[in-house]
C-alpha atoms as a PDB file:
ATOM      1  CA  UNK A   1     105.163  33.031  99.143  1.00  0.00           C
ATOM      2  CA  UNK A   2     103.097  31.380  96.443  1.00  0.00           C
ATOM      3  CA  UNK A   3      99.630  29.876  96.625  1.00  0.00           C
ATOM      4  CA  UNK A   4     101.139  26.400  96.282  1.00  0.00           C
ATOM      5  CA  UNK A   5     103.487  26.963  99.232  1.00  0.00           C
ATOM      6  CA  UNK A   6     100.617  28.211 101.404  1.00  0.00           C
ATOM      7  CA  UNK A   7      98.557  25.165 100.460  1.00  0.00           C
ATOM      8  CA  UNK A   8     101.392  22.740 101.236  1.00  0.00           C
ATOM      9  CA  UNK A   9     101.898  24.303 104.669  1.00  0.00           C
ATOM     10  CA  UNK A  10      98.144  24.378 105.289  1.00  0.00           C
ATOM     11  CA  UNK A  11      97.731  20.684 104.353  1.00  0.00           C
ATOM     12  CA  UNK A  12     100.641  19.744 106.619  1.00  0.00           C
ATOM     13  CA  UNK A  13      99.238  21.574 109.618  1.00  0.00           C
ATOM     14  CA  UNK A  14      95.722  20.364 108.822  1.00  0.00           C
ATOM     15  CA  UNK A  15      96.934  16.763 109.114  1.00  0.00           C
ATOM     16  CA  UNK A  16      98.685  17.571 112.404  1.00  0.00           C
ATOM     17  CA  UNK A  17      95.559  19.320 113.709  1.00  0.00           C
ATOM     18  CA  UNK A  18      93.358  16.367 112.751  1.00  0.00           C
ATOM     19  CA  UNK A  19      95.739  14.021 114.580  1.00  0.00           C
ATOM     20  CA  UNK A  20      95.430  16.200 117.705  1.00  0.00           C
ATOM     21  CA  UNK A  21      91.654  16.171 117.296  1.00  0.00           C
ATOM     22  CA  UNK A  22      91.585  12.387 116.936  1.00  0.00           C
ATOM     23  CA  UNK A  23      93.818  11.831 119.971  1.00  0.00           C
ATOM     24  CA  UNK A  24      91.707  14.230 122.018  1.00  0.00           C
ATOM     25  CA  UNK A  25      88.458  12.523 121.025  1.00  0.00           C
ATOM     26  CA  UNK A  26      89.913   9.104 121.880  1.00  0.00           C
ATOM     27  CA  UNK A  27      91.050  10.457 125.257  1.00  0.00           C
ATOM     28  CA  UNK A  28      87.604  11.903 125.994  1.00  0.00           C
ATOM     29  CA  UNK A  29      85.994   8.609 124.966  1.00  0.00           C
ATOM     30  CA  UNK A  30      88.354   6.664 127.238  1.00  0.00           C
ATOM     31  CA  UNK A  31      87.665   8.957 130.208  1.00  0.00           C
ATOM     32  CA  UNK A  32      83.905   8.705 129.720  1.00  0.00           C
ATOM     33  CA  UNK A  33      84.111   4.901 129.384  1.00  0.00           C
ATOM     34  CA  UNK A  34      86.149   4.644 132.568  1.00  0.00           C
ATOM     35  CA  UNK A  35      83.761   6.902 134.501  1.00  0.00           C
ATOM     36  CA  UNK A  36      80.782   4.908 133.226  1.00  0.00           C
ATOM     37  CA  UNK A  37      82.284   1.550 134.288  1.00  0.00           C
ATOM     38  CA  UNK A  38      83.701   2.616 137.667  1.00  0.00           C
ATOM     39  CA  UNK A  39      80.527   2.915 139.711  1.00  0.00           C
ATOM     40  CA  UNK A  40      81.500   1.570 143.133  1.00  0.00           C
ATOM     41  CA  UNK A  41      82.513   4.477 145.357  1.00  0.00           C
ATOM     42  CA  UNK A  42      84.893   3.851 148.219  1.00  0.00           C
ATOM     43  CA  UNK A  43      87.610   5.506 150.242  1.00  0.00           C
ATOM     44  CA  UNK A  44      91.206   4.619 149.520  1.00  0.00           C
ATOM     45  CA  UNK A  45      94.184   5.119 151.790  1.00  0.00           C
ATOM     46  CA  UNK A  46      97.433   6.421 150.371  1.00  0.00           C
ATOM     47  CA  UNK A  47      99.993   3.865 151.528  1.00  0.00           C
ATOM     48  CA  UNK A  48     103.237   5.235 150.130  1.00  0.00           C
ATOM     49  CA  UNK A  49     104.916   6.866 147.194  1.00  0.00           C
ATOM     50  CA  UNK A  50     107.161   5.006 144.798  1.00  0.00           C
ATOM     51  CA  UNK A  51     109.332   6.657 142.199  1.00  0.00           C
ATOM     52  CA  UNK A  52     110.147   5.922 138.602  1.00  0.00           C
ATOM     53  CA  UNK A  53     113.816   5.749 137.793  1.00  0.00           C
ATOM     54  CA  UNK A  54     116.933   4.590 139.541  1.00  0.00           C
ATOM     55  CA  UNK A  55     117.755   7.615 141.674  1.00  0.00           C
ATOM     56  CA  UNK A  56     115.936  10.488 143.340  1.00  0.00           C
ATOM     57  CA  UNK A  57     116.491  13.886 141.734  1.00  0.00           C
ATOM     58  CA  UNK A  58     114.574  17.194 141.873  1.00  0.00           C
ATOM     59  CA  UNK A  59     112.714  15.941 138.771  1.00  0.00           C
ATOM     60  CA  UNK A  60     111.748  12.524 140.150  1.00  0.00           C
ATOM     61  CA  UNK A  61     108.219  11.421 139.289  1.00  0.00           C
ATOM     62  CA  UNK A  62     106.437  10.181 142.406  1.00  0.00           C
ATOM     63  CA  UNK A  63     103.696   7.580 141.984  1.00  0.00           C
ATOM     64  CA  UNK A  64     101.168   7.090 144.798  1.00  0.00           C
ATOM     65  CA  UNK A  65     100.108   3.592 145.871  1.00  0.00           C
ATOM     66  CA  UNK A  66      96.540   3.289 147.197  1.00  0.00           C
ATOM     67  CA  UNK A  67      94.764   0.552 149.112  1.00  0.00           C
ATOM     68  CA  UNK A  68      91.093  -0.190 149.655  1.00  0.00           C
ATOM     69  CA  UNK A  69      89.309  -2.779 151.745  1.00  0.00           C
ATOM     70  CA  UNK A  70      86.401  -4.438 149.953  1.00  0.00           C
ATOM     71  CA  UNK A  71      83.251  -5.516 151.794  1.00  0.00           C
ATOM     72  CA  UNK A  72      84.549  -9.100 151.715  1.00  0.00           C
ATOM     73  CA  UNK A  73      87.574  -8.068 153.791  1.00  0.00           C
ATOM     74  CA  UNK A  74      89.941  -8.462 150.857  1.00  0.00           C
ATOM     75  CA  UNK A  75      92.328  -5.570 150.236  1.00  0.00           C
ATOM     76  CA  UNK A  76      93.394  -4.300 146.834  1.00  0.00           C
ATOM     77  CA  UNK A  77      96.406  -2.115 146.129  1.00  0.00           C
ATOM     78  CA  UNK A  78      96.721   0.117 143.076  1.00  0.00           C
ATOM     79  CA  UNK A  79      99.769   1.903 141.797  1.00  0.00           C
ATOM     80  CA  UNK A  80      98.577   5.148 140.325  1.00  0.00           C
ATOM     81  CA  UNK A  81      98.433   5.641 136.569  1.00  0.00           C
ATOM     82  CA  UNK A  82      99.584   9.244 136.958  1.00  0.00           C
ATOM     83  CA  UNK A  83     102.789  10.370 138.616  1.00  0.00           C
ATOM     84  CA  UNK A  84     103.771  13.879 139.705  1.00  0.00           C
ATOM     85  CA  UNK A  85     106.932  15.738 140.549  1.00  0.00           C
ATOM     86  CA  UNK A  86     105.469  16.873 143.864  1.00  0.00           C
ATOM     87  CA  UNK A  87     103.638  14.791 146.405  1.00  0.00           C
ATOM     88  CA  UNK A  88     100.086  16.135 146.720  1.00  0.00           C
ATOM     89  CA  UNK A  89      99.019  14.018 149.700  1.00  0.00           C
ATOM     90  CA  UNK A  90     100.762  12.418 152.646  1.00  0.00           C
ATOM     91  CA  UNK A  91     100.791   8.685 153.364  1.00  0.00           C
ATOM     92  CA  UNK A  92      97.749   7.860 155.452  1.00  0.00           C
ATOM     93  CA  UNK A  93      95.520  10.434 153.730  1.00  0.00           C
ATOM     94  CA  UNK A  94      92.265   9.200 152.255  1.00  0.00           C
ATOM     95  CA  UNK A  95      90.897   9.911 148.790  1.00  0.00           C
ATOM     96  CA  UNK A  96      87.636   9.059 147.087  1.00  0.00           C
ATOM     97  CA  UNK A  97      88.046   6.263 144.575  1.00  0.00           C
ATOM     98  CA  UNK A  98      85.645   4.650 142.117  1.00  0.00           C
ATOM     99  CA  UNK A  99      86.290   1.169 140.750  1.00  0.00           C
ATOM    100  CA  UNK A 100      84.748  -1.303 138.355  1.00  0.00           C
ATOM    101  CA  UNK A 101      83.081  -4.098 140.361  1.00  0.00           C
ATOM    102  CA  UNK A 102      83.705  -6.569 137.519  1.00  0.00           C
ATOM    103  CA  UNK A 103      87.387  -5.686 137.135  1.00  0.00           C
ATOM    104  CA  UNK A 104      88.484  -4.121 140.427  1.00  0.00           C
ATOM    105  CA  UNK A 105      92.147  -5.014 139.996  1.00  0.00           C
ATOM    106  CA  UNK A 106      92.518  -3.040 136.768  1.00  0.00           C
ATOM    107  CA  UNK A 107      89.876  -0.359 136.310  1.00  0.00           C
ATOM    108  CA  UNK A 108      89.642   2.442 138.837  1.00  0.00           C
ATOM    109  CA  UNK A 109      89.195   6.180 138.770  1.00  0.00           C
ATOM    110  CA  UNK A 110      90.383   8.810 141.264  1.00  0.00           C
ATOM    111  CA  UNK A 111      88.784  12.181 140.440  1.00  0.00           C
ATOM    112  CA  UNK A 112      91.572  14.225 142.057  1.00  0.00           C
ATOM    113  CA  UNK A 113      94.235  12.365 140.097  1.00  0.00           C
ATOM    114  CA  UNK A 114      92.998  12.258 136.516  1.00  0.00           C
ATOM    115  CA  UNK A 115      92.152  15.672 135.159  1.00  0.00           C
ATOM    116  CA  UNK A 116      89.615  15.541 132.366  1.00  0.00           C
ATOM    117  CA  UNK A 117      91.064  18.703 130.842  1.00  0.00           C
ATOM    118  CA  UNK A 118      94.041  17.201 128.971  1.00  0.00           C
ATOM    119  CA  UNK A 119      91.985  15.404 126.285  1.00  0.00           C
ATOM    120  CA  UNK A 120      89.875  18.543 125.925  1.00  0.00           C
ATOM    121  CA  UNK A 121      93.030  20.610 125.302  1.00  0.00           C
ATOM    122  CA  UNK A 122      93.925  18.223 122.478  1.00  0.00           C
ATOM    123  CA  UNK A 123      90.404  18.581 121.016  1.00  0.00           C
ATOM    124  CA  UNK A 124      90.579  22.376 121.276  1.00  0.00           C
ATOM    125  CA  UNK A 125      94.049  22.628 119.660  1.00  0.00           C
ATOM    126  CA  UNK A 126      92.998  20.215 116.913  1.00  0.00           C
ATOM    127  CA  UNK A 127      89.805  22.137 116.145  1.00  0.00           C
ATOM    128  CA  UNK A 128      91.509  25.544 116.044  1.00  0.00           C
ATOM    129  CA  UNK A 129      94.335  24.235 113.853  1.00  0.00           C
ATOM    130  CA  UNK A 130      91.920  22.476 111.505  1.00  0.00           C
ATOM    131  CA  UNK A 131      89.734  25.597 111.154  1.00  0.00           C
ATOM    132  CA  UNK A 132      92.665  27.905 110.429  1.00  0.00           C
ATOM    133  CA  UNK A 133      94.195  25.489 107.917  1.00  0.00           C
ATOM    134  CA  UNK A 134      90.881  24.926 106.167  1.00  0.00           C
ATOM    135  CA  UNK A 135      90.501  28.687 105.809  1.00  0.00           C
ATOM    136  CA  UNK A 136      94.029  28.923 104.359  1.00  0.00           C
ATOM    137  CA  UNK A 137      93.215  26.181 101.860  1.00  0.00           C
ATOM    138  CA  UNK A 138      90.048  27.950 100.730  1.00  0.00           C
ATOM    139  CA  UNK A 139      91.531  31.471 100.657  1.00  0.00           C
ATOM    140  CA  UNK A 140      95.337  31.298 100.381  1.00  0.00           C
ATOM    141  CA  UNK A 141      95.502  34.760  98.822  1.00  0.00           C
ATOM    142  CA  UNK A 142      94.275  36.352 102.062  1.00  0.00           C
ATOM    143  CA  UNK A 143      97.308  34.963 103.886  1.00  0.00           C
ATOM    144  CA  UNK A 144      99.658  36.027 101.077  1.00  0.00           C
ATOM    145  CA  UNK A 145      98.239  39.580 101.188  1.00  0.00           C
ATOM    146  CA  UNK A 146      98.521  39.595 104.973  1.00  0.00           C
ATOM    147  CA  UNK A 147     102.233  38.798 105.030  1.00  0.00           C
ATOM    148  CA  UNK A 148     102.867  41.083 102.071  1.00  0.00           C
ATOM    149  CA  UNK A 149     104.926  38.822  99.779  1.00  0.00           C
ATOM    150  CA  UNK A 150     104.111  37.414  96.373  1.00  0.00           C
END
């Protein structure tokens, strides 16, 4: 393997790593924005599960539908933004829900439903990839000596 080949591969993976890093940072920013805006804490009732797709299979994605009653007596229903293969709760169970008082129909946050870890995984993978590729760009001969080809 030549220095040029190592550099081409390193540049390619560096670009991919930077894209992962960018997507992860945007995801973290979005999660923080949502948590900052959704300040009204309430209890939501799980009404039912709906599924995506035409038929029910072992791989069906189940989407919970929640309902809250506002202080005005008005009820709001939300279809979850995250579906799962398994049902975590039963209809009638209650969960803690935070919503945006200025946009309650659209912006809500359920801590048990939206793990914060996925954007952080993207950031971590992007950083590790970018660091390794930067090292390969600076010292390609180390990699060539490591694999033992010229």
